[in-house]
Amino acid sequence: MSKRTWALIAALLVSLIYGVSFTIAKDVMPAYVKPYGFIILRVTGATILFWAISFLGPKEKIQRKDFPRIIVAAFFGVALNMLTFFKGLSLTSPISAAVIMVTSPIIVLILSAIIIKEKVKFKKIFGILLGLFGTAFLILYGKSVGNATNASLGNLLVFINATAYGFYLIIVKKLMDKYNAFTFVKWIYTFGLLMVLPFGWSEYQEIKWALLPTTILWEIGFVVVFTTFFTYLFNLISMRELNPTTVAVFIYLQPLFATVFAISLGKDELTLVKIVSAVLIFVGVYLVTQKQVVSKQ
């Protein structure tokens, strides 16, 4: 397969893992681990894993002038991204959170046009709007999963998370063009860990490890290894071959995967609304990715 095909597969896997993670993380929070305490577990575990595998990559030295960009990427891609998402998810329902994340492709589209002068053509705009319509249709008329203790605040925090993620995709693209992913991702997480420690340390200390069921421990492990470590690696793989807008549009698949996973657990049901939404989302993603086949990367 071509590098572009591998990049598209990597982006698809990211959406699949995130879609599953909405329900899994909701099982853990806030009953067993509070949101910010969970972030400490997630970022610490991922940081250790990224440093461990960094020795497998090429021996590159990061130029001092690039560290400010890495720190900014850590702020938007790790600290603000996770703090707002986990807190928001603890207050709203998994599928509602997934659907709000679909504002990110539109944000990335606007930022890409302004910051990196990405050309925006009608087919891409139409694909993004079609996917947005499909996800809006799903949340407005589909059955939501999970209890929402403060949906308004939770949804606002998830929207901030989506915006932060959009900025991250733009910022990290230039690092991808200059360095191998193994060279800088460990630094992004190291700085990110320093940023989230003040917010989550007290909640981390409250975790009662002896009382955590085995199932919850496995779910925590899944979030650390798959939702954090592998998704960031897959994202970097996709970013090397695709532009930020194409990577971001795969977010449209997250609420769809979240719904499918919820249905498989018996927490939701398949309806005509979900089928129509799925078709709209897939067509939207197809239009955006097909446009890039004939464009210069």
C-alpha atoms as a PDB file:
ATOM      1  CA  MET A   1       0.000   0.000   0.000  1.00  0.00           C
ATOM      2  CA  SER A   2       1.049   3.586  -0.584  1.00  0.00           C
ATOM      3  CA  LYS A   3       2.094   5.920   2.218  1.00  0.00           C
ATOM      4  CA  ARG A   4      -1.119   7.856   1.694  1.00  0.00           C
ATOM      5  CA  THR A   5      -3.225   4.714   2.145  1.00  0.00           C
ATOM      6  CA  TRP A   6      -1.403   3.896   5.380  1.00  0.00           C
ATOM      7  CA  ALA A   7      -2.008   7.488   6.520  1.00  0.00           C
ATOM      8  CA  LEU A   8      -5.752   7.169   5.827  1.00  0.00           C
ATOM      9  CA  ILE A   9      -5.860   3.844   7.712  1.00  0.00           C
ATOM     10  CA  ALA A  10      -4.040   5.454  10.649  1.00  0.00           C
ATOM     11  CA  ALA A  11      -6.558   8.321  10.734  1.00  0.00           C
ATOM     12  CA  LEU A  12      -9.410   5.798  10.608  1.00  0.00           C
ATOM     13  CA  LEU A  13      -7.938   3.833  13.526  1.00  0.00           C
ATOM     14  CA  VAL A  14      -7.670   7.042  15.572  1.00  0.00           C
ATOM     15  CA  SER A  15     -11.387   7.707  15.118  1.00  0.00           C
ATOM     16  CA  LEU A  16     -12.237   4.094  15.938  1.00  0.00           C
ATOM     17  CA  ILE A  17     -10.229   4.129  19.166  1.00  0.00           C
ATOM     18  CA  TYR A  18     -11.621   7.506  20.216  1.00  0.00           C
ATOM     19  CA  GLY A  19     -15.166   6.411  19.425  1.00  0.00           C
ATOM     20  CA  VAL A  20     -14.802   3.368  21.692  1.00  0.00           C
ATOM     21  CA  SER A  21     -13.075   5.442  24.359  1.00  0.00           C
ATOM     22  CA  PHE A  22     -16.030   7.766  24.961  1.00  0.00           C
ATOM     23  CA  THR A  23     -17.955   4.959  26.644  1.00  0.00           C
ATOM     24  CA  ILE A  24     -14.920   3.331  28.287  1.00  0.00           C
ATOM     25  CA  ALA A  25     -13.678   6.557  29.878  1.00  0.00           C
ATOM     26  CA  LYS A  26     -17.208   7.340  31.035  1.00  0.00           C
ATOM     27  CA  ASP A  27     -17.225   4.043  32.956  1.00  0.00           C
ATOM     28  CA  VAL A  28     -14.158   5.173  34.907  1.00  0.00           C
ATOM     29  CA  MET A  29     -15.130   8.793  35.524  1.00  0.00           C
ATOM     30  CA  PRO A  30     -16.113  10.118  37.939  1.00  0.00           C
ATOM     31  CA  ALA A  31     -17.206   7.111  39.976  1.00  0.00           C
ATOM     32  CA  TYR A  32     -13.737   5.583  40.368  1.00  0.00           C
ATOM     33  CA  VAL A  33     -11.284   8.235  39.197  1.00  0.00           C
ATOM     34  CA  LYS A  34     -11.957  11.944  38.952  1.00  0.00           C
ATOM     35  CA  PRO A  35     -11.312  13.564  35.550  1.00  0.00           C
ATOM     36  CA  TYR A  36      -8.078  15.412  36.290  1.00  0.00           C
ATOM     37  CA  GLY A  37      -6.683  12.480  38.235  1.00  0.00           C
ATOM     38  CA  PHE A  38      -7.382  10.316  35.193  1.00  0.00           C
ATOM     39  CA  ILE A  39      -5.416  12.781  33.056  1.00  0.00           C
ATOM     40  CA  ILE A  40      -2.363  12.356  35.298  1.00  0.00           C
ATOM     41  CA  LEU A  41      -2.570   8.591  34.755  1.00  0.00           C
ATOM     42  CA  ARG A  42      -3.032   9.028  31.028  1.00  0.00           C
ATOM     43  CA  VAL A  43      -0.262  11.553  30.402  1.00  0.00           C
ATOM     44  CA  THR A  44       2.248   9.926  32.762  1.00  0.00           C
ATOM     45  CA  GLY A  45       1.758   6.508  31.215  1.00  0.00           C
ATOM     46  CA  ALA A  46       1.990   7.857  27.671  1.00  0.00           C
ATOM     47  CA  THR A  47       5.090   9.919  28.474  1.00  0.00           C
ATOM     48  CA  ILE A  48       6.876   6.819  29.757  1.00  0.00           C
ATOM     49  CA  LEU A  49       5.874   4.861  26.651  1.00  0.00           C
ATOM     50  CA  PHE A  50       6.959   7.616  24.245  1.00  0.00           C
ATOM     51  CA  TRP A  51      10.374   7.951  25.900  1.00  0.00           C
ATOM     52  CA  ALA A  52      10.755   4.153  25.859  1.00  0.00           C
ATOM     53  CA  ILE A  53      10.165   3.858  22.102  1.00  0.00           C
ATOM     54  CA  SER A  54      12.049   7.058  21.199  1.00  0.00           C
ATOM     55  CA  PHE A  55      15.274   5.073  21.206  1.00  0.00           C
ATOM     56  CA  LEU A  56      13.952   3.124  18.213  1.00  0.00           C
ATOM     57  CA  GLY A  57      13.751   6.262  16.099  1.00  0.00           C
ATOM     58  CA  PRO A  58      16.489   8.193  14.305  1.00  0.00           C
ATOM     59  CA  LYS A  59      19.044  10.163  16.302  1.00  0.00           C
ATOM     60  CA  GLU A  60      17.891  13.714  15.663  1.00  0.00           C
ATOM     61  CA  LYS A  61      18.535  16.786  17.760  1.00  0.00           C
ATOM     62  CA  ILE A  62      15.774  19.349  18.117  1.00  0.00           C
ATOM     63  CA  GLN A  63      16.889  22.885  17.393  1.00  0.00           C
ATOM     64  CA  ARG A  64      16.464  25.275  20.286  1.00  0.00           C
ATOM     65  CA  LYS A  65      14.274  27.597  18.207  1.00  0.00           C
ATOM     66  CA  ASP A  66      11.707  24.795  17.780  1.00  0.00           C
ATOM     67  CA  PHE A  67      11.108  24.200  21.491  1.00  0.00           C
ATOM     68  CA  PRO A  68       8.630  27.108  21.788  1.00  0.00           C
ATOM     69  CA  ARG A  69       6.508  25.456  19.074  1.00  0.00           C
ATOM     70  CA  ILE A  70       6.750  22.130  20.931  1.00  0.00           C
ATOM     71  CA  ILE A  71       5.634  23.797  24.167  1.00  0.00           C
ATOM     72  CA  VAL A  72       2.671  25.447  22.398  1.00  0.00           C
ATOM     73  CA  ALA A  73       1.794  22.076  20.821  1.00  0.00           C
ATOM     74  CA  ALA A  74       1.950  20.516  24.306  1.00  0.00           C
ATOM     75  CA  PHE A  75      -0.418  23.169  25.643  1.00  0.00           C
ATOM     76  CA  PHE A  76      -3.056  22.734  22.927  1.00  0.00           C
ATOM     77  CA  GLY A  77      -2.549  19.041  22.146  1.00  0.00           C
ATOM     78  CA  VAL A  78      -2.094  17.667  25.669  1.00  0.00           C
ATOM     79  CA  ALA A  79      -2.899  20.088  28.492  1.00  0.00           C
ATOM     80  CA  LEU A  80      -5.890  22.150  27.296  1.00  0.00           C
ATOM     81  CA  ASN A  81      -7.082  19.317  25.064  1.00  0.00           C
ATOM     82  CA  MET A  82      -7.266  16.714  27.822  1.00  0.00           C
ATOM     83  CA  LEU A  83      -8.263  18.957  30.727  1.00  0.00           C
ATOM     84  CA  THR A  84     -11.326  20.271  28.903  1.00  0.00           C
ATOM     85  CA  PHE A  85     -12.262  16.955  27.291  1.00  0.00           C
ATOM     86  CA  PHE A  86     -12.133  14.761  30.397  1.00  0.00           C
ATOM     87  CA  LYS A  87     -13.914  17.314  32.558  1.00  0.00           C
ATOM     88  CA  GLY A  88     -16.498  17.872  29.841  1.00  0.00           C
ATOM     89  CA  LEU A  89     -17.029  14.131  29.304  1.00  0.00           C
ATOM     90  CA  SER A  90     -17.614  13.655  33.031  1.00  0.00           C
ATOM     91  CA  LEU A  91     -20.484  16.169  32.822  1.00  0.00           C
ATOM     92  CA  THR A  92     -22.143  15.205  29.536  1.00  0.00           C
ATOM     93  CA  SER A  93     -23.012  11.998  27.657  1.00  0.00           C
ATOM     94  CA  PRO A  94     -20.472  10.061  25.550  1.00  0.00           C
ATOM     95  CA  ILE A  95     -22.245  10.518  22.216  1.00  0.00           C
ATOM     96  CA  SER A  96     -22.986  14.194  22.867  1.00  0.00           C
ATOM     97  CA  ALA A  97     -19.283  14.752  23.527  1.00  0.00           C
ATOM     98  CA  ALA A  98     -18.360  12.865  20.356  1.00  0.00           C
ATOM     99  CA  VAL A  99     -20.735  14.913  18.239  1.00  0.00           C
ATOM    100  CA  ILE A 100     -19.501  18.251  19.557  1.00  0.00           C
ATOM    101  CA  MET A 101     -16.002  17.211  18.549  1.00  0.00           C
ATOM    102  CA  VAL A 102     -17.094  17.421  14.912  1.00  0.00           C
ATOM    103  CA  THR A 103     -16.796  21.194  15.038  1.00  0.00           C
ATOM    104  CA  SER A 104     -13.032  20.635  14.905  1.00  0.00           C
ATOM    105  CA  PRO A 105     -12.817  20.030  11.110  1.00  0.00           C
ATOM    106  CA  ILE A 106     -14.512  23.359  10.466  1.00  0.00           C
ATOM    107  CA  ILE A 107     -12.146  25.084  12.889  1.00  0.00           C
ATOM    108  CA  VAL A 108      -9.159  23.398  11.237  1.00  0.00           C
ATOM    109  CA  LEU A 109     -10.463  24.365   7.791  1.00  0.00           C
ATOM    110  CA  ILE A 110     -10.600  28.031   8.791  1.00  0.00           C
ATOM    111  CA  LEU A 111      -7.242  27.979  10.593  1.00  0.00           C
ATOM    112  CA  SER A 112      -5.558  26.150   7.715  1.00  0.00           C
ATOM    113  CA  ALA A 113      -6.778  28.738   5.233  1.00  0.00           C
ATOM    114  CA  ILE A 114      -5.538  31.595   7.429  1.00  0.00           C
ATOM    115  CA  ILE A 115      -2.307  30.221   8.904  1.00  0.00           C
ATOM    116  CA  ILE A 116      -0.863  27.822   6.326  1.00  0.00           C
ATOM    117  CA  LYS A 117      -2.749  29.185   3.286  1.00  0.00           C
ATOM    118  CA  GLU A 118      -4.355  25.849   2.456  1.00  0.00           C
ATOM    119  CA  LYS A 119      -6.529  26.092  -0.648  1.00  0.00           C
ATOM    120  CA  VAL A 120     -10.180  25.439   0.121  1.00  0.00           C
ATOM    121  CA  LYS A 121     -12.314  24.115  -2.738  1.00  0.00           C
ATOM    122  CA  PHE A 122     -16.034  23.511  -2.967  1.00  0.00           C
ATOM    123  CA  LYS A 123     -15.844  19.704  -2.744  1.00  0.00           C
ATOM    124  CA  LYS A 124     -13.999  19.898   0.589  1.00  0.00           C
ATOM    125  CA  ILE A 125     -16.404  22.471   2.012  1.00  0.00           C
ATOM    126  CA  PHE A 126     -19.391  20.402   0.854  1.00  0.00           C
ATOM    127  CA  GLY A 127     -17.920  17.214   2.351  1.00  0.00           C
ATOM    128  CA  ILE A 128     -17.294  18.886   5.716  1.00  0.00           C
ATOM    129  CA  LEU A 129     -20.791  20.383   5.824  1.00  0.00           C
ATOM    130  CA  LEU A 130     -22.357  17.057   4.814  1.00  0.00           C
ATOM    131  CA  GLY A 131     -20.517  15.261   7.604  1.00  0.00           C
ATOM    132  CA  LEU A 132     -21.517  17.995  10.043  1.00  0.00           C
ATOM    133  CA  PHE A 133     -25.166  17.632   9.009  1.00  0.00           C
ATOM    134  CA  GLY A 134     -24.962  13.873   9.547  1.00  0.00           C
ATOM    135  CA  THR A 135     -23.573  14.226  13.059  1.00  0.00           C
ATOM    136  CA  ALA A 136     -26.047  16.975  13.938  1.00  0.00           C
ATOM    137  CA  PHE A 137     -28.845  14.710  12.719  1.00  0.00           C
ATOM    138  CA  LEU A 138     -27.519  11.949  14.961  1.00  0.00           C
ATOM    139  CA  ILE A 139     -27.413  14.049  18.121  1.00  0.00           C
ATOM    140  CA  LEU A 140     -30.706  15.872  17.553  1.00  0.00           C
ATOM    141  CA  TYR A 141     -32.818  12.853  16.671  1.00  0.00           C
ATOM    142  CA  GLY A 142     -30.792   9.890  17.850  1.00  0.00           C
ATOM    143  CA  LYS A 143     -30.830   8.325  21.270  1.00  0.00           C
ATOM    144  CA  SER A 144     -28.091   9.650  23.534  1.00  0.00           C
ATOM    145  CA  VAL A 145     -26.135   7.282  25.736  1.00  0.00           C
ATOM    146  CA  GLY A 146     -25.224   7.886  29.368  1.00  0.00           C
ATOM    147  CA  ASN A 147     -26.254  10.291  32.076  1.00  0.00           C
ATOM    148  CA  ALA A 148     -25.352  13.959  31.845  1.00  0.00           C
ATOM    149  CA  THR A 149     -24.976  15.735  35.194  1.00  0.00           C
ATOM    150  CA  ASN A 150     -24.310  19.188  33.702  1.00  0.00           C
ATOM    151  CA  ALA A 151     -24.678  18.895  29.932  1.00  0.00           C
ATOM    152  CA  SER A 152     -24.355  22.613  29.147  1.00  0.00           C
ATOM    153  CA  LEU A 153     -21.005  23.072  30.896  1.00  0.00           C
ATOM    154  CA  GLY A 154     -19.806  19.677  29.704  1.00  0.00           C
ATOM    155  CA  ASN A 155     -20.648  20.471  26.077  1.00  0.00           C
ATOM    156  CA  LEU A 156     -18.901  23.871  26.326  1.00  0.00           C
ATOM    157  CA  LEU A 157     -15.730  22.243  27.645  1.00  0.00           C
ATOM    158  CA  VAL A 158     -15.789  19.651  24.864  1.00  0.00           C
ATOM    159  CA  PHE A 159     -16.147  22.464  22.320  1.00  0.00           C
ATOM    160  CA  ILE A 160     -13.058  24.162  23.796  1.00  0.00           C
ATOM    161  CA  ASN A 161     -11.338  20.795  23.492  1.00  0.00           C
ATOM    162  CA  ALA A 162     -12.282  20.622  19.801  1.00  0.00           C
ATOM    163  CA  THR A 163     -10.858  24.099  19.220  1.00  0.00           C
ATOM    164  CA  ALA A 164      -7.624  23.222  21.026  1.00  0.00           C
ATOM    165  CA  TYR A 165      -7.295  20.081  18.930  1.00  0.00           C
ATOM    166  CA  GLY A 166      -7.671  22.172  15.772  1.00  0.00           C
ATOM    167  CA  PHE A 167      -4.823  24.447  16.834  1.00  0.00           C
ATOM    168  CA  TYR A 168      -2.698  21.392  17.691  1.00  0.00           C
ATOM    169  CA  LEU A 169      -3.088  19.897  14.217  1.00  0.00           C
ATOM    170  CA  ILE A 170      -1.937  23.148  12.628  1.00  0.00           C
ATOM    171  CA  ILE A 171       1.021  23.628  14.996  1.00  0.00           C
ATOM    172  CA  VAL A 172       2.334  20.057  14.859  1.00  0.00           C
ATOM    173  CA  LYS A 173       2.250  19.919  11.042  1.00  0.00           C
ATOM    174  CA  LYS A 174       5.423  22.029  10.734  1.00  0.00           C
ATOM    175  CA  LEU A 175       7.198  19.811  13.267  1.00  0.00           C
ATOM    176  CA  MET A 176       6.206  16.764  11.218  1.00  0.00           C
ATOM    177  CA  ASP A 177       7.714  18.327   8.103  1.00  0.00           C
ATOM    178  CA  LYS A 178      11.031  18.852   9.907  1.00  0.00           C
ATOM    179  CA  TYR A 179      11.509  15.944  12.327  1.00  0.00           C
ATOM    180  CA  ASN A 180      10.676  12.291  12.744  1.00  0.00           C
ATOM    181  CA  ALA A 181       7.708  11.792  15.080  1.00  0.00           C
ATOM    182  CA  PHE A 182       9.801   9.862  17.617  1.00  0.00           C
ATOM    183  CA  THR A 183      12.074  12.884  17.965  1.00  0.00           C
ATOM    184  CA  PHE A 184       9.577  15.388  19.321  1.00  0.00           C
ATOM    185  CA  VAL A 185       6.457  13.588  20.568  1.00  0.00           C
ATOM    186  CA  LYS A 186       8.201  12.585  23.816  1.00  0.00           C
ATOM    187  CA  TRP A 187       8.943  16.254  24.454  1.00  0.00           C
ATOM    188  CA  ILE A 188       5.357  17.272  23.723  1.00  0.00           C
ATOM    189  CA  TYR A 189       4.175  14.845  26.389  1.00  0.00           C
ATOM    190  CA  THR A 190       6.905  15.772  28.851  1.00  0.00           C
ATOM    191  CA  PHE A 191       5.919  19.437  28.735  1.00  0.00           C
ATOM    192  CA  GLY A 192       2.255  18.445  28.732  1.00  0.00           C
ATOM    193  CA  LEU A 193       2.745  16.393  31.897  1.00  0.00           C
ATOM    194  CA  LEU A 194       4.312  19.397  33.658  1.00  0.00           C
ATOM    195  CA  MET A 195       1.299  21.484  32.626  1.00  0.00           C
ATOM    196  CA  VAL A 196      -1.388  19.087  33.892  1.00  0.00           C
ATOM    197  CA  LEU A 197       0.291  18.091  37.166  1.00  0.00           C
ATOM    198  CA  PRO A 198      -0.928  21.165  39.123  1.00  0.00           C
ATOM    199  CA  PHE A 199      -4.516  20.467  38.068  1.00  0.00           C
ATOM    200  CA  GLY A 200      -4.669  16.731  38.631  1.00  0.00           C
ATOM    201  CA  TRP A 201      -2.262  15.839  41.417  1.00  0.00           C
ATOM    202  CA  SER A 202      -4.784  16.149  44.261  1.00  0.00           C
ATOM    203  CA  GLU A 203      -7.376  14.056  42.389  1.00  0.00           C
ATOM    204  CA  TYR A 204      -4.723  11.479  41.542  1.00  0.00           C
ATOM    205  CA  GLN A 205      -3.903  11.108  45.250  1.00  0.00           C
ATOM    206  CA  GLU A 206      -7.584  10.417  45.968  1.00  0.00           C
ATOM    207  CA  ILE A 207      -7.616   7.249  43.847  1.00  0.00           C
ATOM    208  CA  LYS A 208      -8.349   4.187  45.999  1.00  0.00           C
ATOM    209  CA  TRP A 209      -6.429   1.571  44.047  1.00  0.00           C
ATOM    210  CA  ALA A 210      -7.367  -1.318  46.308  1.00  0.00           C
ATOM    211  CA  LEU A 211     -11.067  -0.694  45.650  1.00  0.00           C
ATOM    212  CA  LEU A 212     -10.868  -0.480  41.861  1.00  0.00           C
ATOM    213  CA  PRO A 213     -12.543  -3.457  40.101  1.00  0.00           C
ATOM    214  CA  THR A 214     -10.413  -5.387  37.630  1.00  0.00           C
ATOM    215  CA  THR A 215     -12.629  -4.214  34.766  1.00  0.00           C
ATOM    216  CA  ILE A 216     -11.944  -0.567  35.633  1.00  0.00           C
ATOM    217  CA  LEU A 217      -8.200  -1.212  35.788  1.00  0.00           C
ATOM    218  CA  TRP A 218      -8.327  -2.714  32.292  1.00  0.00           C
ATOM    219  CA  GLU A 219     -10.313   0.284  31.047  1.00  0.00           C
ATOM    220  CA  ILE A 220      -7.757   2.679  32.540  1.00  0.00           C
ATOM    221  CA  GLY A 221      -5.030   0.699  30.782  1.00  0.00           C
ATOM    222  CA  PHE A 222      -6.916   0.907  27.498  1.00  0.00           C
ATOM    223  CA  VAL A 223      -7.162   4.693  27.736  1.00  0.00           C
ATOM    224  CA  VAL A 224      -3.459   5.055  28.549  1.00  0.00           C
ATOM    225  CA  VAL A 225      -2.128   2.643  25.922  1.00  0.00           C
ATOM    226  CA  PHE A 226      -4.615   2.962  23.080  1.00  0.00           C
ATOM    227  CA  THR A 227      -6.507   6.249  23.489  1.00  0.00           C
ATOM    228  CA  THR A 228      -3.327   8.173  24.269  1.00  0.00           C
ATOM    229  CA  PHE A 229      -0.190   6.387  23.103  1.00  0.00           C
ATOM    230  CA  PHE A 230      -1.365   4.719  19.889  1.00  0.00           C
ATOM    231  CA  THR A 231      -3.757   7.469  18.785  1.00  0.00           C
ATOM    232  CA  TYR A 232      -1.038  10.114  19.011  1.00  0.00           C
ATOM    233  CA  LEU A 233       1.342   7.896  17.057  1.00  0.00           C
ATOM    234  CA  PHE A 234      -1.304   7.172  14.421  1.00  0.00           C
ATOM    235  CA  ASN A 235      -2.157  10.867  14.231  1.00  0.00           C
ATOM    236  CA  LEU A 236       1.470  11.746  13.582  1.00  0.00           C
ATOM    237  CA  ILE A 237       1.665   9.064  10.877  1.00  0.00           C
ATOM    238  CA  SER A 238      -1.398  10.482   9.165  1.00  0.00           C
ATOM    239  CA  MET A 239      -0.155  14.073   9.528  1.00  0.00           C
ATOM    240  CA  ARG A 240       3.029  13.241   7.617  1.00  0.00           C
ATOM    241  CA  GLU A 241       1.096  12.424   4.433  1.00  0.00           C
ATOM    242  CA  LEU A 242      -2.159  14.356   4.845  1.00  0.00           C
ATOM    243  CA  ASN A 243      -2.954  17.992   5.479  1.00  0.00           C
ATOM    244  CA  PRO A 244      -4.607  19.067   8.775  1.00  0.00           C
ATOM    245  CA  THR A 245      -8.097  19.450   7.303  1.00  0.00           C
ATOM    246  CA  THR A 246      -8.120  15.894   5.932  1.00  0.00           C
ATOM    247  CA  VAL A 247      -6.960  14.477   9.276  1.00  0.00           C
ATOM    248  CA  ALA A 248      -9.543  16.533  11.167  1.00  0.00           C
ATOM    249  CA  VAL A 249     -12.483  15.384   9.022  1.00  0.00           C
ATOM    250  CA  PHE A 250     -12.044  11.829  10.357  1.00  0.00           C
ATOM    251  CA  ILE A 251     -13.429  13.190  13.636  1.00  0.00           C
ATOM    252  CA  TYR A 252     -16.840  12.856  11.964  1.00  0.00           C
ATOM    253  CA  LEU A 253     -16.499   9.085  12.373  1.00  0.00           C
ATOM    254  CA  GLN A 254     -16.085   9.259  16.165  1.00  0.00           C
ATOM    255  CA  PRO A 255     -19.772   9.655  17.115  1.00  0.00           C
ATOM    256  CA  LEU A 256     -20.624   6.938  14.615  1.00  0.00           C
ATOM    257  CA  PHE A 257     -18.119   4.511  16.170  1.00  0.00           C
ATOM    258  CA  ALA A 258     -19.265   5.587  19.647  1.00  0.00           C
ATOM    259  CA  THR A 259     -22.834   4.707  18.708  1.00  0.00           C
ATOM    260  CA  VAL A 260     -21.870   1.347  17.177  1.00  0.00           C
ATOM    261  CA  PHE A 261     -19.888   0.447  20.306  1.00  0.00           C
ATOM    262  CA  ALA A 262     -22.764   1.488  22.545  1.00  0.00           C
ATOM    263  CA  ILE A 263     -25.162  -0.644  20.482  1.00  0.00           C
ATOM    264  CA  SER A 264     -22.806  -3.642  20.762  1.00  0.00           C
ATOM    265  CA  LEU A 265     -22.948  -3.305  24.565  1.00  0.00           C
ATOM    266  CA  GLY A 266     -26.734  -3.081  24.536  1.00  0.00           C
ATOM    267  CA  LYS A 267     -26.673   0.555  25.672  1.00  0.00           C
ATOM    268  CA  ASP A 268     -28.218   1.882  22.471  1.00  0.00           C
ATOM    269  CA  GLU A 269     -30.310   0.667  19.561  1.00  0.00           C
ATOM    270  CA  LEU A 270     -29.985   0.794  15.780  1.00  0.00           C
ATOM    271  CA  THR A 271     -32.513   3.123  14.149  1.00  0.00           C
ATOM    272  CA  LEU A 272     -33.163   4.685  10.760  1.00  0.00           C
ATOM    273  CA  VAL A 273     -31.741   7.960  12.089  1.00  0.00           C
ATOM    274  CA  LYS A 274     -28.406   6.310  12.848  1.00  0.00           C
ATOM    275  CA  ILE A 275     -28.296   4.614   9.442  1.00  0.00           C
ATOM    276  CA  VAL A 276     -28.985   7.872   7.585  1.00  0.00           C
ATOM    277  CA  SER A 277     -26.442   9.699   9.739  1.00  0.00           C
ATOM    278  CA  ALA A 278     -23.831   7.036   9.013  1.00  0.00           C
ATOM    279  CA  VAL A 279     -24.348   7.388   5.253  1.00  0.00           C
ATOM    280  CA  LEU A 280     -24.036  11.187   5.400  1.00  0.00           C
ATOM    281  CA  ILE A 281     -20.885  11.004   7.525  1.00  0.00           C
ATOM    282  CA  PHE A 282     -19.178   8.438   5.293  1.00  0.00           C
ATOM    283  CA  VAL A 283     -20.027  10.375   2.131  1.00  0.00           C
ATOM    284  CA  GLY A 284     -18.673  13.565   3.711  1.00  0.00           C
ATOM    285  CA  VAL A 285     -15.401  11.896   4.697  1.00  0.00           C
ATOM    286  CA  TYR A 286     -15.145  10.325   1.239  1.00  0.00           C
ATOM    287  CA  LEU A 287     -15.514  13.684  -0.520  1.00  0.00           C
ATOM    288  CA  VAL A 288     -12.822  15.342   1.594  1.00  0.00           C
ATOM    289  CA  THR A 289     -10.309  12.507   1.268  1.00  0.00           C
ATOM    290  CA  GLN A 290     -10.935  12.089  -2.472  1.00  0.00           C
ATOM    291  CA  LYS A 291     -10.232  15.736  -3.087  1.00  0.00           C
ATOM    292  CA  GLN A 292      -6.789  15.292  -1.606  1.00  0.00           C
ATOM    293  CA  VAL A 293      -5.900  12.515  -4.041  1.00  0.00           C
ATOM    294  CA  VAL A 294      -5.615  14.994  -6.868  1.00  0.00           C
ATOM    295  CA  SER A 295      -4.164  17.858  -4.864  1.00  0.00           C
ATOM    296  CA  LYS A 296      -0.552  18.593  -4.098  1.00  0.00           C
ATOM    297  CA  GLN A 297       0.463  17.594  -0.589  1.00  0.00           C
END
